[in-house]
């Protein structure tokens, strides 16, 4: 009953917040998504698997059904809308095919299209939304870091009792053979991925020359918490992505001398910690060329080619690797496990679905809207690299469409940066006649 009440509360909270602003609704969804793992581990009810779903439905209803039109934040989102419509409609049509039982197909539908409407939401983000998101993500990062630190010293047992939903957590280890730190997430990979997904928003807000000192300190703390969280999660993909984002952020030309010094010191402290702490040194496995080559060969070539010819129409939604709740696992017909997202898409959506996703990835990677001149350019550039990394590495890893709440955040970022934003709206101020003064806010944007 408690899990059912959480579902109801999440739905109401997201609907109420989403009616007031897109950013408030997104914050509620991300907050519930971040607590999804620890809630599911401690509440044994089947309803605990749907707390995030209920919350996201509340946001969708608030934004797509009862939302008052406030105008778009982008110049033109027609191409994005066409791609998003196809990626959503095709899996919905596959629900009608009898490859799997209806309940398994319904869970598979959730894993193939449920979070894709966030693409449209991302295109609606305006400056006010982005600022609220950045501050909220900083707070969320600090809270999740608090849980991570407690798990680091106390172990994960007090927070994640061993059971059917936590077997993956107990089966993964860091560089010193301790359990990896999941914080409040379903696993360490989700923790690291979400921390990386917050960095573009935090860095984009911090790089601008407006905002109070307390707010900027909070953004720095949020970024530090995110990077420290990646180290504590000790996942190779998370570390690679964090290094990429740090490199891109370090090359931005928008930082003042003081901010650049703060950034260098913060990154230096984290690098020192990674070098001296044995538990954070799983990244050393990246130098094992045999392991990496074997992973790529198994994920991209052999398994993918076999599925391409043996399952041209797929194995049905939910039959190709989508995470199925333990109480439905026995209903999956011909269960097949795959190691990368594109094989999973091929196995569940067939060749048509795969071609759609490959086309969408190519369309996104060739878009230059993320690099257009804009006050949020630094954050948009980082978001583009974040999303590009996810689309490319999906060929050797799982979770692009099924990770909670990382998938929602990545789709939000794709929608944000794949469309050209409108110029920022600046309040008009009439200077005295003959004066060359410009509004303070306008001057801030111009610098």
Protein backbone atom coordinates (compact mmCIF):
# COMPACT_ATOMS: atom_id res chain seq x y z
CA UNK A 1 0.00 0.00 0.00
CA UNK A 2 2.87 2.41 0.75
CA UNK A 3 4.25 1.98 -2.78
CA UNK A 4 0.81 2.68 -4.23
CA UNK A 5 0.58 5.86 -2.16
CA UNK A 6 4.00 6.94 -3.43
CA UNK A 7 2.73 6.45 -6.99
CA UNK A 8 -0.30 8.63 -6.27
CA UNK A 9 1.82 11.28 -4.53
CA UNK A 10 4.33 11.34 -7.41
CA UNK A 11 1.57 11.71 -9.98
CA UNK A 12 -0.11 14.57 -8.12
CA UNK A 13 3.17 16.34 -7.35
CA UNK A 14 4.38 16.16 -10.97
CA UNK A 15 1.02 17.28 -12.33
CA UNK A 16 0.80 20.20 -9.89
CA UNK A 17 4.40 21.27 -10.52
CA UNK A 18 4.13 20.76 -14.28
CA UNK A 19 1.09 23.01 -14.43
CA UNK A 20 3.13 25.83 -12.90
CA UNK A 21 6.28 25.45 -14.97
CA UNK A 22 8.03 22.87 -17.10
CA UNK A 23 11.16 23.06 -14.96
CA UNK A 24 9.27 22.40 -11.72
CA UNK A 25 7.65 19.33 -13.23
CA UNK A 26 11.00 18.05 -14.52
CA UNK A 27 12.57 18.52 -11.08
CA UNK A 28 9.86 16.40 -9.46
CA UNK A 29 10.32 13.66 -12.09
CA UNK A 30 14.11 13.63 -11.69
CA UNK A 31 13.87 13.65 -7.88
CA UNK A 32 11.51 10.67 -7.88
CA UNK A 33 13.69 8.95 -10.47
CA UNK A 34 16.78 9.43 -8.33
CA UNK A 35 15.03 7.77 -5.37
CA UNK A 36 13.58 4.98 -7.53
CA UNK A 37 16.28 2.44 -6.72
CA UNK A 38 16.29 2.77 -2.95
CA UNK A 39 12.48 2.90 -2.76
CA UNK A 40 12.15 -0.24 -4.87
CA UNK A 41 14.78 -2.04 -2.78
CA UNK A 42 13.04 -1.32 0.52
CA UNK A 43 9.39 -1.72 -0.50
CA UNK A 44 8.59 -5.17 -1.75
CA UNK A 45 5.32 -4.25 -3.45
CA UNK A 46 4.98 -4.56 -7.25
CA UNK A 47 3.76 -0.94 -7.22
CA UNK A 48 7.28 0.15 -6.26
CA UNK A 49 8.35 -0.58 -9.86
CA UNK A 50 5.96 2.08 -11.15
CA UNK A 51 6.61 5.08 -8.90
CA UNK A 52 8.64 6.79 -11.62
CA UNK A 53 6.08 5.91 -14.30
CA UNK A 54 3.22 7.45 -12.36
CA UNK A 55 5.24 10.62 -11.75
CA UNK A 56 6.20 10.96 -15.41
CA UNK A 57 2.57 10.47 -16.50
CA UNK A 58 1.62 13.36 -14.23
CA UNK A 59 4.14 15.61 -15.97
CA UNK A 60 2.98 14.51 -19.41
CA UNK A 61 -0.64 15.28 -18.57
CA UNK A 62 0.32 18.69 -17.21
CA UNK A 63 2.42 19.62 -20.25
CA UNK A 64 0.71 17.95 -23.18
CA UNK A 65 -2.98 17.86 -22.19
CA UNK A 66 -3.85 20.70 -19.81
CA UNK A 67 -0.91 23.04 -20.36
CA UNK A 68 -1.59 26.59 -21.46
CA UNK A 69 0.38 27.50 -24.56
CA UNK A 70 3.22 29.88 -23.75
CA UNK A 71 5.04 29.73 -27.05
CA UNK A 72 8.06 27.73 -28.15
CA UNK A 73 11.59 28.39 -26.89
CA UNK A 74 13.09 27.41 -30.24
CA UNK A 75 13.00 28.77 -33.76
CA UNK A 76 11.72 25.59 -35.44
CA UNK A 77 11.19 22.12 -33.96
CA UNK A 78 9.39 20.43 -36.88
CA UNK A 79 12.23 18.04 -37.75
CA UNK A 80 12.62 17.01 -34.12
CA UNK A 81 8.86 16.48 -33.86
CA UNK A 82 8.82 14.22 -36.91
CA UNK A 83 11.61 12.04 -35.59
CA UNK A 84 10.08 11.89 -32.11
CA UNK A 85 6.66 10.99 -33.51
CA UNK A 86 8.09 8.07 -35.48
CA UNK A 87 10.15 6.76 -32.56
CA UNK A 88 7.06 6.87 -30.32
CA UNK A 89 4.44 5.57 -32.77
CA UNK A 90 6.35 2.56 -34.14
CA UNK A 91 6.75 0.76 -30.77
CA UNK A 92 3.11 1.57 -29.98
CA UNK A 93 2.06 -0.24 -33.16
CA UNK A 94 4.20 -3.25 -32.22
CA UNK A 95 2.15 -3.59 -29.03
CA UNK A 96 -0.62 -5.02 -31.21
CA UNK A 97 1.56 -7.91 -32.44
CA UNK A 98 1.32 -11.20 -30.44
CA UNK A 99 5.05 -11.90 -30.03
CA UNK A 100 4.88 -11.63 -26.23
CA UNK A 101 2.13 -11.64 -23.62
CA UNK A 102 0.35 -8.33 -23.22
CA UNK A 103 1.90 -7.50 -19.83
CA UNK A 104 5.42 -8.25 -21.05
CA UNK A 105 4.78 -6.18 -24.19
CA UNK A 106 3.44 -3.34 -22.05
CA UNK A 107 6.63 -3.30 -19.97
CA UNK A 108 8.62 -3.49 -23.22
CA UNK A 109 6.68 -0.53 -24.58
CA UNK A 110 7.67 1.40 -21.49
CA UNK A 111 11.32 0.55 -22.18
CA UNK A 112 11.14 1.60 -25.83
CA UNK A 113 9.13 4.81 -25.93
CA UNK A 114 7.80 5.89 -22.54
CA UNK A 115 10.47 8.53 -21.92
CA UNK A 116 10.78 9.73 -25.52
CA UNK A 117 8.18 12.55 -25.19
CA UNK A 118 10.87 14.29 -23.15
CA UNK A 119 12.32 15.23 -26.56
CA UNK A 120 9.42 17.68 -27.01
CA UNK A 121 9.78 18.92 -23.44
CA UNK A 122 13.47 19.67 -24.00
CA UNK A 123 12.63 21.90 -26.97
CA UNK A 124 10.36 23.96 -24.67
CA UNK A 125 13.02 24.79 -22.09
CA UNK A 126 13.55 28.53 -21.77
CA UNK A 127 16.10 30.50 -19.77
CA UNK A 128 14.00 30.55 -16.60
CA UNK A 129 13.46 26.79 -16.81
CA UNK A 130 17.16 26.14 -17.30
CA UNK A 131 18.14 28.24 -14.30
CA UNK A 132 15.68 26.47 -12.03
CA UNK A 133 16.84 23.09 -13.33
CA UNK A 134 20.50 23.92 -12.72
CA UNK A 135 19.96 24.98 -9.10
CA UNK A 136 17.67 22.01 -8.41
CA UNK A 137 20.14 19.55 -9.93
CA UNK A 138 22.87 20.96 -7.68
CA UNK A 139 20.71 20.28 -4.60
CA UNK A 140 19.84 16.77 -5.84
CA UNK A 141 23.53 16.02 -6.44
CA UNK A 142 24.44 17.07 -2.90
CA UNK A 143 21.69 14.90 -1.40
CA UNK A 144 22.67 11.84 -3.43
CA UNK A 145 26.31 12.40 -2.50
CA UNK A 146 25.29 12.31 1.16
CA UNK A 147 23.81 8.84 0.66
CA UNK A 148 26.88 7.77 -1.33
CA UNK A 149 29.25 8.84 1.44
CA UNK A 150 27.17 6.96 4.01
CA UNK A 151 27.26 3.82 1.83
CA UNK A 152 31.00 4.24 1.32
CA UNK A 153 31.69 4.02 5.05
CA UNK A 154 28.76 1.88 6.24
CA UNK A 155 28.35 -0.43 3.27
CA UNK A 156 25.28 -0.76 1.05
CA UNK A 157 23.46 -3.30 3.24
CA UNK A 158 21.62 -0.78 5.48
CA UNK A 159 20.27 1.00 2.41
CA UNK A 160 19.74 -1.85 -0.08
CA UNK A 161 18.59 -5.09 1.57
CA UNK A 162 19.51 -8.14 -0.47
CA UNK A 163 16.62 -9.31 -2.63
CA UNK A 164 15.37 -9.79 -6.20
CA UNK A 165 15.73 -6.09 -7.05
CA UNK A 166 19.26 -5.69 -5.66
CA UNK A 167 21.12 -8.69 -7.07
CA UNK A 168 22.84 -6.50 -9.67
CA UNK A 169 24.07 -4.10 -7.00
CA UNK A 170 25.60 -6.92 -4.94
CA UNK A 171 27.21 -8.47 -8.02
CA UNK A 172 29.22 -5.37 -9.03
CA UNK A 173 32.51 -4.37 -7.42
CA UNK A 174 34.91 -1.45 -7.52
CA UNK A 175 38.69 -1.43 -7.87
CA UNK A 176 39.20 -2.77 -4.32
CA UNK A 177 36.54 -5.51 -4.46
CA UNK A 178 33.99 -3.52 -2.48
CA UNK A 179 30.45 -3.11 -3.75
CA UNK A 180 30.11 -0.16 -6.08
CA UNK A 181 28.19 2.77 -4.66
CA UNK A 182 24.64 3.20 -6.07
CA UNK A 183 23.64 6.09 -3.77
CA UNK A 184 19.82 6.18 -4.10
CA UNK A 185 19.72 4.72 -7.63
CA UNK A 186 18.95 1.26 -8.94
CA UNK A 187 22.64 0.60 -9.63
CA UNK A 188 25.99 2.37 -9.79
CA UNK A 189 25.76 2.86 -13.56
CA UNK A 190 22.57 4.90 -13.18
CA UNK A 191 24.18 6.99 -10.43
CA UNK A 192 27.21 7.85 -12.56
CA UNK A 193 25.11 8.50 -15.68
CA UNK A 194 22.72 10.89 -13.93
CA UNK A 195 25.58 12.79 -12.31
CA UNK A 196 27.14 13.30 -15.76
CA UNK A 197 23.77 14.35 -17.20
CA UNK A 198 23.49 17.21 -14.69
CA UNK A 199 26.88 18.71 -15.54
CA UNK A 200 25.85 20.53 -18.77
CA UNK A 201 23.05 22.34 -16.95
CA UNK A 202 25.23 23.21 -13.96
CA UNK A 203 28.24 24.32 -16.00
CA UNK A 204 26.05 26.25 -18.45
CA UNK A 205 24.52 28.28 -15.62
CA UNK A 206 27.82 28.75 -13.77
CA UNK A 207 29.69 29.94 -16.88
CA UNK A 208 27.39 32.94 -17.32
CA UNK A 209 28.19 36.29 -15.77
CA UNK A 210 24.94 36.82 -13.96
CA UNK A 211 23.72 35.34 -10.69
CA UNK A 212 24.60 35.81 -7.04
CA UNK A 213 27.69 34.42 -5.34
CA UNK A 214 25.67 31.96 -3.23
CA UNK A 215 24.02 30.55 -6.32
CA UNK A 216 27.35 30.16 -8.08
CA UNK A 217 28.83 28.45 -5.02
CA UNK A 218 25.89 26.03 -5.05
CA UNK A 219 26.50 25.28 -8.74
CA UNK A 220 30.20 24.58 -8.07
CA UNK A 221 29.24 22.30 -5.17
CA UNK A 222 26.75 20.54 -7.43
CA UNK A 223 29.39 19.93 -10.11
CA UNK A 224 31.89 18.72 -7.53
CA UNK A 225 29.27 16.36 -6.09
CA UNK A 226 28.53 15.03 -9.57
CA UNK A 227 32.18 14.31 -10.39
CA UNK A 228 32.84 12.79 -6.97
CA UNK A 229 29.74 10.66 -7.42
CA UNK A 230 31.11 9.32 -10.72
CA UNK A 231 34.30 8.27 -8.95
CA UNK A 232 32.38 6.61 -6.12
CA UNK A 233 30.14 4.74 -8.57
CA UNK A 234 33.35 3.40 -10.20
CA UNK A 235 31.91 2.61 -13.63
CA UNK A 236 34.13 2.78 -16.69
CA UNK A 237 31.52 4.40 -18.94
CA UNK A 238 30.79 7.02 -16.29
CA UNK A 239 34.47 7.85 -15.90
CA UNK A 240 35.00 8.10 -19.67
CA UNK A 241 32.01 10.42 -20.03
CA UNK A 242 33.12 12.58 -17.09
CA UNK A 243 36.61 12.93 -18.58
CA UNK A 244 35.09 13.94 -21.93
CA UNK A 245 32.86 16.57 -20.31
CA UNK A 246 35.74 17.94 -18.24
CA UNK A 247 37.89 18.24 -21.38
CA UNK A 248 35.18 20.03 -23.37
CA UNK A 249 34.33 22.33 -20.43
CA UNK A 250 38.00 23.21 -19.93
CA UNK A 251 38.29 24.43 -23.51
CA UNK A 252 35.37 26.84 -23.34
CA UNK A 253 36.34 30.47 -23.81
CA UNK A 254 33.53 31.93 -21.69
CA UNK A 255 35.15 31.47 -18.29
CA UNK A 256 36.74 34.35 -16.44
CA UNK A 257 40.21 33.94 -14.97
CA UNK A 258 38.76 33.38 -11.50
CA UNK A 259 36.26 30.76 -12.67
CA UNK A 260 38.89 28.98 -14.70
CA UNK A 261 41.11 28.84 -11.59
CA UNK A 262 38.25 27.41 -9.52
CA UNK A 263 37.55 24.84 -12.22
CA UNK A 264 41.20 23.76 -12.44
CA UNK A 265 41.52 23.42 -8.65
CA UNK A 266 38.28 21.40 -8.38
CA UNK A 267 39.29 19.04 -11.18
CA UNK A 268 42.79 18.73 -9.70
CA UNK A 269 41.39 17.65 -6.33
CA UNK A 270 39.24 14.99 -7.98
CA UNK A 271 42.14 13.71 -10.08
CA UNK A 272 44.29 13.43 -6.94
CA UNK A 273 41.52 11.46 -5.24
CA UNK A 274 41.20 9.13 -8.22
CA UNK A 275 44.94 8.46 -8.20
CA UNK A 276 45.31 7.88 -4.46
CA UNK A 277 42.08 6.00 -3.62
CA UNK A 278 42.20 2.34 -4.62
CA UNK A 279 38.42 1.99 -4.68
CA UNK A 280 38.16 4.66 -7.37
CA UNK A 281 40.71 3.10 -9.72
CA UNK A 282 38.55 0.79 -11.82
CA UNK A 283 39.33 3.12 -14.72
CA UNK A 284 42.67 1.29 -15.00
CA UNK A 285 40.80 -1.54 -16.74
CA UNK A 286 40.29 0.79 -19.67
CA UNK A 287 43.92 0.16 -20.57
CA UNK A 288 43.23 -3.55 -21.06
CA UNK A 289 42.96 -3.58 -24.85
CA UNK A 290 42.00 -7.27 -24.94
CA UNK A 291 39.02 -6.74 -22.64
CA UNK A 292 37.81 -3.65 -24.51
CA UNK A 293 38.27 -5.27 -27.94
CA UNK A 294 36.46 -8.39 -26.84
CA UNK A 295 33.56 -6.35 -25.47
CA UNK A 296 33.18 -4.42 -28.72
CA UNK A 297 33.48 -7.53 -30.88
CA UNK A 298 30.87 -9.39 -28.87
CA UNK A 299 28.48 -6.45 -28.63
CA UNK A 300 28.69 -5.02 -32.13
CA UNK A 301 29.56 -7.80 -34.54
CA UNK A 302 28.61 -11.36 -33.66
CA UNK A 303 25.47 -10.81 -31.58
CA UNK A 304 24.15 -8.00 -33.74
CA UNK A 305 24.58 -9.87 -37.04
CA UNK A 306 22.93 -12.99 -35.66
CA UNK A 307 19.91 -11.04 -34.51
CA UNK A 308 19.71 -9.10 -37.78
CA UNK A 309 19.15 -12.31 -39.78
CA UNK A 310 17.38 -14.50 -37.22
CA UNK A 311 14.83 -11.91 -35.98
CA UNK A 312 14.00 -9.50 -38.86
CA UNK A 313 10.72 -8.50 -37.15
CA UNK A 314 12.12 -8.77 -33.66
CA UNK A 315 11.20 -10.96 -30.71
CA UNK A 316 8.49 -8.64 -29.49
CA UNK A 317 8.49 -5.77 -27.00
CA UNK A 318 10.07 -6.93 -23.76
CA UNK A 319 11.66 -9.98 -25.38
CA UNK A 320 15.04 -8.53 -26.15
CA UNK A 321 16.59 -7.30 -22.94
CA UNK A 322 14.23 -4.67 -21.50
CA UNK A 323 14.37 -4.99 -17.72
CA UNK A 324 11.30 -7.03 -16.77
CA UNK A 325 10.08 -7.06 -13.13
CA UNK A 326 10.84 -10.34 -11.41
CA UNK A 327 7.14 -11.17 -11.07
CA UNK A 328 6.73 -11.07 -14.89
CA UNK A 329 10.06 -12.63 -15.89
CA UNK A 330 8.52 -16.09 -16.26
CA UNK A 331 6.09 -14.85 -18.94
CA UNK A 332 8.77 -13.82 -21.45
CA UNK A 333 8.71 -16.07 -24.52
CA UNK A 334 12.17 -17.08 -25.78
CA UNK A 335 14.07 -14.65 -23.52
CA UNK A 336 17.26 -13.36 -25.16
CA UNK A 337 19.91 -11.25 -23.45
CA UNK A 338 22.01 -8.77 -25.47
CA UNK A 339 24.86 -6.49 -24.48
CA UNK A 340 24.11 -3.33 -26.43
CA UNK A 341 21.19 -1.03 -26.98
CA UNK A 342 21.00 -1.22 -30.76
CA UNK A 343 20.81 -5.02 -30.66
CA UNK A 344 18.05 -4.69 -28.09
CA UNK A 345 16.18 -2.24 -30.33
CA UNK A 346 16.61 -4.60 -33.29
CA UNK A 347 15.43 -7.55 -31.21
CA UNK A 348 12.34 -5.76 -29.88
CA UNK A 349 11.42 -3.33 -32.68
CA UNK A 350 12.75 -5.18 -35.72
CA UNK A 351 14.67 -3.71 -38.62
CA UNK A 352 12.27 -0.78 -39.03
CA UNK A 353 12.82 0.35 -35.46
CA UNK A 354 16.57 -0.04 -35.78
CA UNK A 355 16.69 2.00 -39.00
CA UNK A 356 14.62 4.69 -37.30
CA UNK A 357 17.04 4.97 -34.40
CA UNK A 358 20.14 4.91 -36.60
CA UNK A 359 18.61 7.66 -38.75
CA UNK A 360 17.74 9.71 -35.69
CA UNK A 361 21.27 9.34 -34.29
CA UNK A 362 22.79 10.48 -37.59
CA UNK A 363 20.37 13.42 -37.77
CA UNK A 364 21.31 14.51 -34.25
CA UNK A 365 25.06 14.10 -34.72
CA UNK A 366 25.00 16.26 -37.86
CA UNK A 367 22.98 19.07 -36.27
CA UNK A 368 24.88 22.25 -35.41
CA UNK A 369 22.12 23.99 -33.45
CA UNK A 370 23.88 23.22 -30.16
CA UNK A 371 26.83 25.39 -31.20
CA UNK A 372 24.85 28.50 -32.16
CA UNK A 373 25.78 31.69 -30.31
CA UNK A 374 23.66 31.93 -27.15
CA UNK A 375 24.11 32.70 -23.43
CA UNK A 376 23.75 28.96 -22.73
CA UNK A 377 26.31 27.99 -25.39
CA UNK A 378 28.74 26.40 -22.89
CA UNK A 379 26.00 24.22 -21.42
CA UNK A 380 24.49 23.35 -24.81
CA UNK A 381 27.90 22.32 -26.13
CA UNK A 382 28.43 19.99 -23.16
CA UNK A 383 24.90 18.59 -23.56
CA UNK A 384 25.60 17.81 -27.23
CA UNK A 385 28.72 15.83 -26.31
CA UNK A 386 26.81 14.08 -23.51
CA UNK A 387 24.07 12.97 -25.91
CA UNK A 388 26.51 12.09 -28.69
CA UNK A 389 28.45 9.91 -26.25
CA UNK A 390 25.25 8.11 -25.27
CA UNK A 391 24.12 7.51 -28.86
CA UNK A 392 27.53 6.22 -29.96
CA UNK A 393 28.38 4.05 -26.94
CA UNK A 394 24.91 2.47 -27.07
CA UNK A 395 26.56 0.10 -29.56
CA UNK A 396 28.51 -1.49 -26.68
CA UNK A 397 26.27 -0.88 -23.66
CA UNK A 398 22.68 -1.06 -22.44
CA UNK A 399 20.40 1.55 -20.90
CA UNK A 400 20.02 4.32 -23.49
CA UNK A 401 16.21 3.98 -23.44
CA UNK A 402 15.62 2.23 -20.13
CA UNK A 403 17.73 3.90 -17.45
CA UNK A 404 15.78 5.75 -14.71
CA UNK A 405 15.95 8.73 -14.65
CA UNK A 406 18.98 9.06 -16.96
CA UNK A 407 17.01 8.31 -20.14
CA UNK A 408 14.55 11.07 -19.33
CA UNK A 409 17.38 13.54 -18.76
CA UNK A 410 19.24 12.56 -21.95
CA UNK A 411 16.09 12.88 -24.05
CA UNK A 412 15.41 16.24 -22.42
CA UNK A 413 18.94 17.32 -23.37
CA UNK A 414 18.58 16.05 -26.95
CA UNK A 415 15.41 18.07 -27.39
CA UNK A 416 17.12 21.10 -25.86
CA UNK A 417 20.21 21.16 -28.07
CA UNK A 418 18.95 19.72 -31.36
CA UNK A 419 16.84 22.79 -32.10
CA UNK A 420 18.05 26.35 -32.58
CA UNK A 421 17.00 28.50 -29.60
CA UNK A 422 15.35 31.85 -29.90
CA UNK A 423 17.41 34.87 -28.80
CA UNK A 424 17.00 35.62 -25.07
CA UNK A 425 14.21 38.01 -24.22
CA UNK A 426 15.59 41.07 -22.49
CA UNK A 427 13.37 43.59 -20.80
CA UNK A 428 13.44 46.93 -22.56
CA UNK A 429 14.76 49.87 -20.60
CA UNK A 430 14.58 53.40 -21.98
CA UNK A 431 17.86 55.20 -21.29
CA UNK A 432 17.94 58.99 -21.07
CA UNK A 433 17.93 60.77 -24.44
CA UNK A 434 21.43 61.14 -25.78
CA UNK A 435 22.84 58.53 -23.39
CA UNK A 436 24.79 55.53 -24.68
CA UNK A 437 23.86 53.42 -21.66
CA UNK A 438 22.43 49.95 -22.20
CA UNK A 439 20.32 47.88 -19.83
CA UNK A 440 22.33 46.02 -17.18
CA UNK A 441 20.87 42.67 -18.18
CA UNK A 442 21.60 43.29 -21.84
CA UNK A 443 25.19 44.16 -21.04
CA UNK A 444 25.53 40.94 -19.04
CA UNK A 445 24.33 38.85 -21.97
CA UNK A 446 26.57 40.68 -24.38
CA UNK A 447 29.77 39.91 -22.50
